Amino acid sequence: MSGLSATSARFLRRHVQSFALSDSLTVSVTVSQQTGRPVYSPATGTMVATSTDTAVSAFRQVVREDEGEEVRKGDVWWAVKPTDLAAKPKPDDMVRDSAGTLWKIYKVEADPVSALYRLYTRRTA
């Protein structure tokens, strides 16, 4: 008996998370979406943008090398329901996990098969 083919394994890795969005397999996260253009704040010396925070349930998975060219060790993706968010997240929006760790979104994929957004993120320093 042989294992799964590489194509089958990729398909399952990519789409099984839609079955996994049950309360027992998800974590609570906050998605912070920028609602305005960033402006320079002389008081802090940084760029500041207004944002909207939304608490959602998400499935978390470590990004694998075969999931993109810009992947770095430690990147994760989060599967979230589009209906839980007011708008589609964009690169530079943020995810805060239940431990308080901030993750910057660098890519967003809408997956029509599982009807989820996949938010590719990188931990902020």
N, C-alpha and C. Protein backbone atom coordinates (compact mmCIF):
# COMPACT_ATOMS: atom_id res chain seq x y z
N MET A 1 0.84 -1.18 0.00
CA MET A 1 0.00 0.00 0.00
C MET A 1 0.88 1.24 0.00
N SER A 2 0.66 2.13 -0.94
CA SER A 2 1.51 3.31 -1.03
C SER A 2 0.85 4.51 -0.37
N GLY A 3 1.66 5.54 -0.09
CA GLY A 3 1.14 6.77 0.49
C GLY A 3 0.46 7.63 -0.56
N LEU A 4 0.05 8.80 -0.16
CA LEU A 4 -0.60 9.73 -1.08
C LEU A 4 0.39 10.24 -2.11
N SER A 5 -0.11 10.52 -3.29
CA SER A 5 0.74 11.15 -4.29
C SER A 5 1.01 12.58 -3.84
N ALA A 6 2.03 13.19 -4.40
CA ALA A 6 2.38 14.57 -4.04
C ALA A 6 1.21 15.51 -4.34
N THR A 7 0.53 15.29 -5.46
CA THR A 7 -0.61 16.13 -5.83
C THR A 7 -1.74 15.99 -4.82
N SER A 8 -2.04 14.76 -4.42
CA SER A 8 -3.10 14.52 -3.44
C SER A 8 -2.74 15.13 -2.09
N ALA A 9 -1.50 14.97 -1.68
CA ALA A 9 -1.06 15.53 -0.41
C ALA A 9 -1.18 17.05 -0.42
N ARG A 10 -0.77 17.72 -1.53
CA ARG A 10 -0.89 19.18 -1.63
C ARG A 10 -2.35 19.60 -1.56
N PHE A 11 -3.23 18.87 -2.26
CA PHE A 11 -4.65 19.20 -2.26
C PHE A 11 -5.22 19.11 -0.84
N LEU A 12 -4.92 18.03 -0.15
CA LEU A 12 -5.45 17.86 1.20
C LEU A 12 -4.92 18.92 2.16
N ARG A 13 -3.61 19.21 2.07
CA ARG A 13 -3.01 20.23 2.93
C ARG A 13 -3.67 21.58 2.69
N ARG A 14 -4.00 21.85 1.44
CA ARG A 14 -4.55 23.15 1.07
C ARG A 14 -6.02 23.28 1.43
N HIS A 15 -6.79 22.19 1.33
CA HIS A 15 -8.24 22.32 1.45
C HIS A 15 -8.86 21.70 2.69
N VAL A 16 -8.13 20.90 3.41
CA VAL A 16 -8.72 20.25 4.57
C VAL A 16 -9.03 21.25 5.68
N GLN A 17 -8.36 22.40 5.71
CA GLN A 17 -8.64 23.35 6.77
C GLN A 17 -10.10 23.80 6.77
N SER A 18 -10.80 23.72 5.65
CA SER A 18 -12.21 24.10 5.65
C SER A 18 -13.03 23.19 6.53
N PHE A 19 -12.62 21.93 6.64
CA PHE A 19 -13.30 20.99 7.52
C PHE A 19 -12.89 21.23 8.97
N ALA A 20 -11.79 21.90 9.15
CA ALA A 20 -11.21 22.05 10.48
C ALA A 20 -11.68 23.30 11.21
N LEU A 21 -12.54 24.10 10.62
CA LEU A 21 -12.98 25.31 11.30
C LEU A 21 -14.08 25.01 12.32
N SER A 22 -13.82 24.02 13.13
CA SER A 22 -14.71 23.72 14.24
C SER A 22 -14.11 24.38 15.48
N ASP A 23 -14.93 24.62 16.49
CA ASP A 23 -14.46 25.31 17.68
C ASP A 23 -13.29 24.61 18.36
N SER A 24 -13.21 23.28 18.23
CA SER A 24 -12.15 22.56 18.93
C SER A 24 -10.79 22.70 18.24
N LEU A 25 -10.76 23.11 16.97
CA LEU A 25 -9.50 23.18 16.23
C LEU A 25 -9.08 24.60 15.86
N THR A 26 -9.83 25.59 16.27
CA THR A 26 -9.49 26.96 15.91
C THR A 26 -9.01 27.72 17.13
N VAL A 27 -8.39 28.85 16.87
CA VAL A 27 -7.94 29.75 17.92
C VAL A 27 -8.59 31.11 17.68
N SER A 28 -8.71 31.87 18.74
CA SER A 28 -9.24 33.22 18.61
C SER A 28 -8.11 34.17 18.25
N VAL A 29 -8.33 34.97 17.24
CA VAL A 29 -7.35 35.97 16.82
C VAL A 29 -8.08 37.28 16.56
N THR A 30 -7.32 38.35 16.50
CA THR A 30 -7.87 39.65 16.13
C THR A 30 -7.22 40.08 14.83
N VAL A 31 -8.04 40.40 13.84
CA VAL A 31 -7.54 40.89 12.56
C VAL A 31 -7.69 42.41 12.58
N SER A 32 -6.57 43.12 12.42
CA SER A 32 -6.57 44.58 12.37
C SER A 32 -6.43 45.01 10.92
N GLN A 33 -7.47 45.66 10.40
CA GLN A 33 -7.47 46.08 9.00
C GLN A 33 -7.35 47.60 8.94
N GLN A 34 -6.38 48.07 8.16
CA GLN A 34 -6.20 49.51 7.99
C GLN A 34 -7.40 50.08 7.25
N THR A 35 -7.94 51.17 7.78
CA THR A 35 -9.11 51.79 7.16
C THR A 35 -8.78 53.13 6.53
N GLY A 36 -7.58 53.59 6.71
CA GLY A 36 -7.17 54.86 6.11
C GLY A 36 -5.72 54.80 5.69
N ARG A 37 -5.31 55.80 4.92
CA ARG A 37 -3.92 55.85 4.50
C ARG A 37 -3.03 56.22 5.67
N PRO A 38 -1.88 55.58 5.78
CA PRO A 38 -0.95 55.95 6.85
C PRO A 38 -0.44 57.38 6.68
N VAL A 39 -0.31 58.08 7.80
CA VAL A 39 0.24 59.44 7.80
C VAL A 39 1.36 59.49 8.82
N TYR A 40 2.30 60.38 8.60
CA TYR A 40 3.44 60.52 9.51
C TYR A 40 3.00 61.24 10.78
N SER A 41 3.35 60.69 11.94
CA SER A 41 3.06 61.31 13.22
C SER A 41 4.35 61.88 13.80
N PRO A 42 4.48 63.21 13.83
CA PRO A 42 5.69 63.80 14.41
C PRO A 42 5.87 63.44 15.88
N ALA A 43 4.77 63.20 16.60
CA ALA A 43 4.85 62.87 18.02
C ALA A 43 5.56 61.55 18.26
N THR A 44 5.30 60.55 17.39
CA THR A 44 5.92 59.25 17.59
C THR A 44 7.06 58.97 16.61
N GLY A 45 7.14 59.77 15.55
CA GLY A 45 8.17 59.55 14.54
C GLY A 45 7.91 58.34 13.66
N THR A 46 6.64 57.91 13.60
CA THR A 46 6.29 56.73 12.80
C THR A 46 5.08 57.04 11.92
N MET A 47 4.82 56.12 11.00
CA MET A 47 3.62 56.20 10.19
C MET A 47 2.47 55.59 10.98
N VAL A 48 1.33 56.26 10.99
CA VAL A 48 0.18 55.81 11.76
C VAL A 48 -1.03 55.76 10.84
N ALA A 49 -1.81 54.68 10.95
CA ALA A 49 -3.04 54.53 10.17
C ALA A 49 -4.17 54.12 11.09
N THR A 50 -5.36 54.57 10.76
CA THR A 50 -6.52 54.11 11.54
C THR A 50 -6.82 52.68 11.12
N SER A 51 -7.34 51.92 12.06
CA SER A 51 -7.64 50.51 11.75
C SER A 51 -8.89 50.06 12.48
N THR A 52 -9.45 48.96 11.99
CA THR A 52 -10.61 48.32 12.60
C THR A 52 -10.19 46.94 13.06
N ASP A 53 -10.45 46.62 14.32
CA ASP A 53 -10.10 45.31 14.87
C ASP A 53 -11.34 44.42 14.90
N THR A 54 -11.19 43.17 14.44
CA THR A 54 -12.28 42.21 14.44
C THR A 54 -11.79 40.90 15.05
N ALA A 55 -12.49 40.43 16.08
CA ALA A 55 -12.15 39.14 16.69
C ALA A 55 -12.81 38.03 15.88
N VAL A 56 -12.01 37.04 15.47
CA VAL A 56 -12.50 35.92 14.66
C VAL A 56 -11.88 34.62 15.15
N SER A 57 -12.48 33.52 14.72
CA SER A 57 -11.88 32.20 14.93
C SER A 57 -11.10 31.86 13.67
N ALA A 58 -9.92 31.29 13.84
CA ALA A 58 -9.07 30.99 12.69
C ALA A 58 -8.36 29.66 12.89
N PHE A 59 -8.09 29.01 11.78
CA PHE A 59 -7.28 27.79 11.77
C PHE A 59 -5.86 28.21 11.41
N ARG A 60 -4.87 27.78 12.18
CA ARG A 60 -3.48 28.20 11.99
C ARG A 60 -2.66 27.04 11.44
N GLN A 61 -1.78 27.36 10.47
CA GLN A 61 -0.92 26.34 9.87
C GLN A 61 0.42 26.96 9.52
N VAL A 62 1.50 26.24 9.75
CA VAL A 62 2.83 26.71 9.35
C VAL A 62 2.91 26.67 7.82
N VAL A 63 3.46 27.71 7.22
CA VAL A 63 3.60 27.77 5.77
C VAL A 63 4.72 26.82 5.35
N ARG A 64 4.44 26.04 4.30
CA ARG A 64 5.43 25.10 3.77
C ARG A 64 6.15 25.74 2.59
N GLU A 65 7.35 25.26 2.31
CA GLU A 65 8.16 25.83 1.23
C GLU A 65 7.46 25.83 -0.12
N ASP A 66 6.63 24.83 -0.38
CA ASP A 66 6.00 24.74 -1.69
C ASP A 66 4.77 25.65 -1.82
N GLU A 67 4.53 26.51 -0.84
CA GLU A 67 3.37 27.39 -0.87
C GLU A 67 3.70 28.82 -1.29
N GLY A 68 4.86 29.04 -1.84
CA GLY A 68 5.19 30.39 -2.32
C GLY A 68 6.66 30.66 -2.34
N GLU A 69 7.04 31.64 -3.15
CA GLU A 69 8.45 32.01 -3.28
C GLU A 69 8.92 32.89 -2.15
N GLU A 70 8.02 33.63 -1.53
CA GLU A 70 8.42 34.58 -0.49
C GLU A 70 8.38 33.99 0.91
N VAL A 71 8.28 32.68 1.02
CA VAL A 71 8.15 32.01 2.31
C VAL A 71 9.46 32.07 3.09
N ARG A 72 9.34 32.36 4.39
CA ARG A 72 10.48 32.34 5.30
C ARG A 72 10.15 31.39 6.45
N LYS A 73 11.18 30.87 7.06
CA LYS A 73 10.99 29.98 8.20
C LYS A 73 10.20 30.73 9.29
N GLY A 74 9.18 30.08 9.81
CA GLY A 74 8.37 30.68 10.86
C GLY A 74 7.09 31.35 10.37
N ASP A 75 6.93 31.49 9.04
CA ASP A 75 5.70 32.08 8.51
C ASP A 75 4.53 31.14 8.78
N VAL A 76 3.37 31.71 9.02
CA VAL A 76 2.16 30.92 9.21
C VAL A 76 1.04 31.51 8.37
N TRP A 77 0.04 30.67 8.07
CA TRP A 77 -1.16 31.21 7.45
C TRP A 77 -2.34 30.90 8.36
N TRP A 78 -3.34 31.74 8.24
CA TRP A 78 -4.55 31.64 9.04
C TRP A 78 -5.72 31.51 8.07
N ALA A 79 -6.58 30.53 8.28
CA ALA A 79 -7.79 30.38 7.48
C ALA A 79 -8.93 31.03 8.25
N VAL A 80 -9.56 32.03 7.64
CA VAL A 80 -10.67 32.73 8.28
C VAL A 80 -11.87 32.79 7.33
N LYS A 81 -13.05 32.84 7.90
CA LYS A 81 -14.26 32.95 7.09
C LYS A 81 -14.43 34.39 6.62
N PRO A 82 -14.65 34.60 5.32
CA PRO A 82 -14.86 35.97 4.82
C PRO A 82 -16.05 36.65 5.47
N THR A 83 -17.06 35.88 5.86
CA THR A 83 -18.24 36.48 6.47
C THR A 83 -17.97 37.05 7.85
N ASP A 84 -16.83 36.68 8.48
CA ASP A 84 -16.48 37.21 9.79
C ASP A 84 -15.80 38.58 9.70
N LEU A 85 -15.43 39.00 8.50
CA LEU A 85 -14.71 40.27 8.32
C LEU A 85 -15.55 41.24 7.48
N ALA A 86 -15.37 42.53 7.75
CA ALA A 86 -16.11 43.55 7.00
C ALA A 86 -15.60 43.68 5.57
N ALA A 87 -14.31 43.43 5.35
CA ALA A 87 -13.70 43.56 4.02
C ALA A 87 -12.56 42.55 3.91
N LYS A 88 -12.14 42.30 2.68
CA LYS A 88 -11.01 41.39 2.47
C LYS A 88 -9.74 42.04 3.02
N PRO A 89 -9.00 41.31 3.85
CA PRO A 89 -7.74 41.86 4.37
C PRO A 89 -6.75 42.14 3.23
N LYS A 90 -5.81 43.04 3.52
CA LYS A 90 -4.79 43.43 2.54
C LYS A 90 -3.41 43.21 3.14
N PRO A 91 -2.40 43.11 2.27
CA PRO A 91 -1.04 43.08 2.80
C PRO A 91 -0.81 44.31 3.70
N ASP A 92 -0.07 44.11 4.75
CA ASP A 92 0.24 45.09 5.80
C ASP A 92 -0.83 45.18 6.88
N ASP A 93 -1.99 44.53 6.71
CA ASP A 93 -2.92 44.39 7.84
C ASP A 93 -2.25 43.42 8.82
N MET A 94 -2.80 43.32 10.02
CA MET A 94 -2.16 42.54 11.07
C MET A 94 -3.10 41.50 11.66
N VAL A 95 -2.50 40.44 12.21
CA VAL A 95 -3.23 39.43 12.99
C VAL A 95 -2.55 39.37 14.36
N ARG A 96 -3.36 39.43 15.43
CA ARG A 96 -2.83 39.26 16.78
C ARG A 96 -3.41 37.95 17.33
N ASP A 97 -2.52 37.02 17.69
CA ASP A 97 -3.01 35.74 18.20
C ASP A 97 -3.34 35.84 19.68
N SER A 98 -3.84 34.76 20.25
CA SER A 98 -4.29 34.76 21.65
C SER A 98 -3.13 34.95 22.63
N ALA A 99 -1.90 34.71 22.19
CA ALA A 99 -0.73 34.94 23.04
C ALA A 99 -0.22 36.37 22.95
N GLY A 100 -0.87 37.19 22.11
CA GLY A 100 -0.46 38.59 21.96
C GLY A 100 0.59 38.81 20.89
N THR A 101 0.97 37.77 20.16
CA THR A 101 1.98 37.89 19.11
C THR A 101 1.35 38.56 17.89
N LEU A 102 2.08 39.53 17.33
CA LEU A 102 1.61 40.23 16.13
C LEU A 102 2.20 39.59 14.88
N TRP A 103 1.35 39.39 13.89
CA TRP A 103 1.73 38.79 12.60
C TRP A 103 1.32 39.77 11.51
N LYS A 104 2.24 40.13 10.64
CA LYS A 104 1.95 41.04 9.53
C LYS A 104 1.55 40.23 8.30
N ILE A 105 0.42 40.58 7.70
CA ILE A 105 -0.06 39.87 6.52
C ILE A 105 0.77 40.30 5.31
N TYR A 106 1.32 39.34 4.57
CA TYR A 106 2.06 39.68 3.35
C TYR A 106 1.37 39.18 2.08
N LYS A 107 0.38 38.29 2.23
CA LYS A 107 -0.36 37.81 1.06
C LYS A 107 -1.72 37.31 1.52
N VAL A 108 -2.74 37.54 0.70
CA VAL A 108 -4.09 37.07 0.99
C VAL A 108 -4.59 36.28 -0.22
N GLU A 109 -5.10 35.10 0.03
CA GLU A 109 -5.70 34.29 -1.03
C GLU A 109 -7.15 34.01 -0.66
N ALA A 110 -8.03 34.20 -1.62
CA ALA A 110 -9.42 33.77 -1.45
C ALA A 110 -9.52 32.39 -2.05
N ASP A 111 -9.90 31.42 -1.24
CA ASP A 111 -9.97 30.03 -1.70
C ASP A 111 -11.42 29.68 -1.99
N PRO A 112 -11.81 29.60 -3.28
CA PRO A 112 -13.20 29.34 -3.61
C PRO A 112 -13.67 27.94 -3.24
N VAL A 113 -12.76 26.99 -3.15
CA VAL A 113 -13.15 25.61 -2.81
C VAL A 113 -13.58 25.52 -1.36
N SER A 114 -12.82 26.12 -0.47
CA SER A 114 -13.15 26.04 0.95
C SER A 114 -13.92 27.25 1.45
N ALA A 115 -14.10 28.26 0.59
CA ALA A 115 -14.81 29.49 0.95
C ALA A 115 -14.17 30.18 2.15
N LEU A 116 -12.84 30.24 2.14
CA LEU A 116 -12.09 30.88 3.22
C LEU A 116 -11.05 31.83 2.65
N TYR A 117 -10.66 32.80 3.47
CA TYR A 117 -9.47 33.59 3.15
C TYR A 117 -8.29 32.88 3.80
N ARG A 118 -7.19 32.84 3.10
CA ARG A 118 -5.94 32.34 3.66
C ARG A 118 -5.03 33.54 3.80
N LEU A 119 -4.69 33.89 5.05
CA LEU A 119 -3.86 35.06 5.35
C LEU A 119 -2.44 34.58 5.64
N TYR A 120 -1.53 34.84 4.74
CA TYR A 120 -0.11 34.48 4.92
C TYR A 120 0.53 35.58 5.74
N THR A 121 1.17 35.18 6.85
CA THR A 121 1.69 36.18 7.78
C THR A 121 3.13 35.87 8.20
N ARG A 122 3.75 36.92 8.69
CA ARG A 122 5.13 36.83 9.21
C ARG A 122 5.14 37.54 10.56
N ARG A 123 5.75 36.91 11.55
CA ARG A 123 5.83 37.50 12.90
C ARG A 123 6.58 38.84 12.83
N THR A 124 6.06 39.82 13.55
CA THR A 124 6.73 41.12 13.58
C THR A 124 7.77 41.10 14.69
N ALA A 125 8.78 41.93 14.55
CA ALA A 125 9.87 41.93 15.52
C ALA A 125 9.48 42.68 16.78
